[in-house]
Amino acid sequence: MPRQIPMQFAPVTSDGFQLSGGLDQVSPPLALKPGFVRDALNWECHVNGGYTSIKGYERFDGQDRPSDATYTTIDVTISAAVAVGDTVTGGTSSATGVIAAVGDANA
């Protein structure tokens, strides 16, 4: 029977760096220093460093657009704890809705 040699893998190493270099479309890709970006979609340099997503862009992933959804704001008194994403059902109407935001209880 042939002798089996155990497989050994190279150790995993990681290197972290701060995303704070900015946009560089001039330097060759392999010459970019850590923290610089070559291309970004819907991202911009943040005034305090790093990057931030540009407000106002909608996802494009085949799902319905959030701006096409119907939202209704209602004032209610709920006697149980709720969180964003919970589904609530009306006691009289049996209508259902999903909690999109929870306001301040004192507001």
C-alpha atoms as a PDB file:
ATOM      1  CA  MET A   1       0.000   0.000   0.000  1.00  0.00           C
ATOM      2  CA  PRO A   2       1.444   3.421  -0.924  1.00  0.00           C
ATOM      3  CA  ARG A   3       2.391   5.685   1.914  1.00  0.00           C
ATOM      4  CA  GLN A   4       0.064   8.701   2.280  1.00  0.00           C
ATOM      5  CA  ILE A   5       1.676  12.043   2.871  1.00  0.00           C
ATOM      6  CA  PRO A   6      -0.418  14.441   4.942  1.00  0.00           C
ATOM      7  CA  MET A   7      -1.372  17.639   3.146  1.00  0.00           C
ATOM      8  CA  GLN A   8       0.034  20.797   4.577  1.00  0.00           C
ATOM      9  CA  PHE A   9      -1.270  24.194   3.655  1.00  0.00           C
ATOM     10  CA  ALA A  10       0.506  27.499   3.806  1.00  0.00           C
ATOM     11  CA  PRO A  11      -0.414  29.503   6.896  1.00  0.00           C
ATOM     12  CA  VAL A  12      -3.148  32.069   6.417  1.00  0.00           C
ATOM     13  CA  THR A  13      -1.959  35.626   6.823  1.00  0.00           C
ATOM     14  CA  SER A  14      -3.917  38.835   6.726  1.00  0.00           C
ATOM     15  CA  ASP A  15      -3.017  42.450   6.386  1.00  0.00           C
ATOM     16  CA  GLY A  16      -5.311  45.261   7.437  1.00  0.00           C
ATOM     17  CA  PHE A  17      -5.222  48.834   6.235  1.00  0.00           C
ATOM     18  CA  GLN A  18      -7.344  51.929   6.601  1.00  0.00           C
ATOM     19  CA  LEU A  19      -9.451  52.922   3.603  1.00  0.00           C
ATOM     20  CA  SER A  20      -8.346  56.526   3.467  1.00  0.00           C
ATOM     21  CA  GLY A  21      -6.235  57.017   0.346  1.00  0.00           C
ATOM     22  CA  GLY A  22      -8.765  58.404  -2.069  1.00  0.00           C
ATOM     23  CA  LEU A  23      -9.519  57.735  -5.709  1.00  0.00           C
ATOM     24  CA  ASP A  24      -6.537  57.101  -7.981  1.00  0.00           C
ATOM     25  CA  GLN A  25      -7.373  56.352 -11.613  1.00  0.00           C
ATOM     26  CA  VAL A  26      -3.930  57.310 -12.925  1.00  0.00           C
ATOM     27  CA  SER A  27      -1.501  54.929 -11.212  1.00  0.00           C
ATOM     28  CA  PRO A  28      -1.229  51.361 -12.501  1.00  0.00           C
ATOM     29  CA  PRO A  29      -3.409  49.022 -10.390  1.00  0.00           C
ATOM     30  CA  LEU A  30      -0.445  47.090  -8.978  1.00  0.00           C
ATOM     31  CA  ALA A  31       1.224  50.346  -7.941  1.00  0.00           C
ATOM     32  CA  LEU A  32      -1.701  51.528  -5.786  1.00  0.00           C
ATOM     33  CA  LYS A  33      -0.837  51.845  -2.118  1.00  0.00           C
ATOM     34  CA  PRO A  34      -3.162  50.287   0.479  1.00  0.00           C
ATOM     35  CA  GLY A  35      -6.205  52.439   1.166  1.00  0.00           C
ATOM     36  CA  PHE A  36      -6.568  53.848  -2.341  1.00  0.00           C
ATOM     37  CA  VAL A  37      -9.351  52.858  -4.697  1.00  0.00           C
ATOM     38  CA  ARG A  38      -9.156  52.409  -8.418  1.00  0.00           C
ATOM     39  CA  ASP A  39     -12.909  52.439  -9.057  1.00  0.00           C
ATOM     40  CA  ALA A  40     -16.020  52.607  -6.896  1.00  0.00           C
ATOM     41  CA  LEU A  41     -19.737  52.609  -7.622  1.00  0.00           C
ATOM     42  CA  ASN A  42     -21.955  54.805  -5.417  1.00  0.00           C
ATOM     43  CA  TRP A  43     -19.122  55.567  -2.987  1.00  0.00           C
ATOM     44  CA  GLU A  44     -17.294  58.811  -2.290  1.00  0.00           C
ATOM     45  CA  CYS A  45     -14.492  60.033  -0.067  1.00  0.00           C
ATOM     46  CA  HIS A  46     -15.840  61.068   3.330  1.00  0.00           C
ATOM     47  CA  VAL A  47     -14.971  64.513   4.645  1.00  0.00           C
ATOM     48  CA  ASN A  48     -13.538  62.941   7.838  1.00  0.00           C
ATOM     49  CA  GLY A  49     -11.531  60.297   5.968  1.00  0.00           C
ATOM     50  CA  GLY A  50     -12.419  56.922   4.584  1.00  0.00           C
ATOM     51  CA  TYR A  51     -15.328  56.353   2.224  1.00  0.00           C
ATOM     52  CA  THR A  52     -19.098  56.641   2.508  1.00  0.00           C
ATOM     53  CA  SER A  53     -21.981  55.572   0.305  1.00  0.00           C
ATOM     54  CA  ILE A  54     -23.569  58.320  -1.764  1.00  0.00           C
ATOM     55  CA  LYS A  55     -27.050  59.065  -0.461  1.00  0.00           C
ATOM     56  CA  GLY A  56     -29.957  58.787  -2.859  1.00  0.00           C
ATOM     57  CA  TYR A  57     -28.895  55.776  -4.912  1.00  0.00           C
ATOM     58  CA  GLU A  58     -31.170  52.761  -5.051  1.00  0.00           C
ATOM     59  CA  ARG A  59     -30.031  49.200  -5.315  1.00  0.00           C
ATOM     60  CA  PHE A  60     -30.206  47.509  -8.696  1.00  0.00           C
ATOM     61  CA  ASP A  61     -30.339  43.798  -7.961  1.00  0.00           C
ATOM     62  CA  GLY A  62     -33.534  42.658  -9.665  1.00  0.00           C
ATOM     63  CA  GLN A  63     -35.748  43.264  -6.634  1.00  0.00           C
ATOM     64  CA  ASP A  64     -38.498  45.877  -6.491  1.00  0.00           C
ATOM     65  CA  ARG A  65     -37.222  49.415  -6.008  1.00  0.00           C
ATOM     66  CA  PRO A  66     -37.763  50.758  -2.472  1.00  0.00           C
ATOM     67  CA  SER A  67     -39.033  54.042  -3.938  1.00  0.00           C
ATOM     68  CA  ASP A  68     -41.906  52.177  -5.633  1.00  0.00           C
ATOM     69  CA  ALA A  69     -43.184  50.781  -2.322  1.00  0.00           C
ATOM     70  CA  THR A  70     -46.185  52.263  -0.541  1.00  0.00           C
ATOM     71  CA  TYR A  71     -45.454  53.538   2.942  1.00  0.00           C
ATOM     72  CA  THR A  72     -48.001  54.805   5.442  1.00  0.00           C
ATOM     73  CA  THR A  73     -47.239  56.532   8.714  1.00  0.00           C
ATOM     74  CA  ILE A  74     -49.699  55.864  11.515  1.00  0.00           C
ATOM     75  CA  ASP A  75     -49.720  56.729  15.186  1.00  0.00           C
ATOM     76  CA  VAL A  76     -50.489  53.698  17.327  1.00  0.00           C
ATOM     77  CA  THR A  77     -50.368  52.599  20.918  1.00  0.00           C
ATOM     78  CA  ILE A  78     -48.792  49.177  21.259  1.00  0.00           C
ATOM     79  CA  SER A  79     -48.690  47.407  24.594  1.00  0.00           C
ATOM     80  CA  ALA A  80     -45.878  45.031  23.643  1.00  0.00           C
ATOM     81  CA  ALA A  81     -42.300  45.529  22.517  1.00  0.00           C
ATOM     82  CA  VAL A  82     -41.804  45.792  18.752  1.00  0.00           C
ATOM     83  CA  ALA A  83     -38.726  46.093  16.597  1.00  0.00           C
ATOM     84  CA  VAL A  84     -38.013  47.051  13.008  1.00  0.00           C
ATOM     85  CA  GLY A  85     -38.903  44.110  10.773  1.00  0.00           C
ATOM     86  CA  ASP A  86     -41.675  42.758  13.038  1.00  0.00           C
ATOM     87  CA  THR A  87     -45.055  42.047  11.441  1.00  0.00           C
ATOM     88  CA  VAL A  88     -48.087  43.429  13.283  1.00  0.00           C
ATOM     89  CA  THR A  89     -51.713  42.427  12.772  1.00  0.00           C
ATOM     90  CA  GLY A  90     -54.734  44.618  13.483  1.00  0.00           C
ATOM     91  CA  GLY A  91     -56.997  43.222  16.191  1.00  0.00           C
ATOM     92  CA  THR A  92     -60.192  44.348  14.460  1.00  0.00           C
ATOM     93  CA  SER A  93     -59.250  44.531  10.785  1.00  0.00           C
ATOM     94  CA  SER A  94     -56.712  41.679  10.668  1.00  0.00           C
ATOM     95  CA  ALA A  95     -54.666  43.924   8.354  1.00  0.00           C
ATOM     96  CA  THR A  96     -50.938  43.314   8.560  1.00  0.00           C
ATOM     97  CA  GLY A  97     -47.913  45.549   8.244  1.00  0.00           C
ATOM     98  CA  VAL A  98     -44.188  45.433   8.787  1.00  0.00           C
ATOM     99  CA  ILE A  99     -42.510  47.806  11.240  1.00  0.00           C
ATOM    100  CA  ALA A 100     -40.154  50.040   9.201  1.00  0.00           C
ATOM    101  CA  ALA A 101     -39.208  52.444  12.025  1.00  0.00           C
ATOM    102  CA  VAL A 102     -39.880  52.917  15.709  1.00  0.00           C
ATOM    103  CA  GLY A 103     -40.129  56.427  17.069  1.00  0.00           C
ATOM    104  CA  ASP A 104     -39.266  57.720  20.513  1.00  0.00           C
ATOM    105  CA  ALA A 105     -41.856  56.607  23.078  1.00  0.00           C
ATOM    106  CA  ASN A 106     -41.887  60.127  24.531  1.00  0.00           C
ATOM    107  CA  ALA A 107     -42.387  61.882  21.203  1.00  0.00           C
END
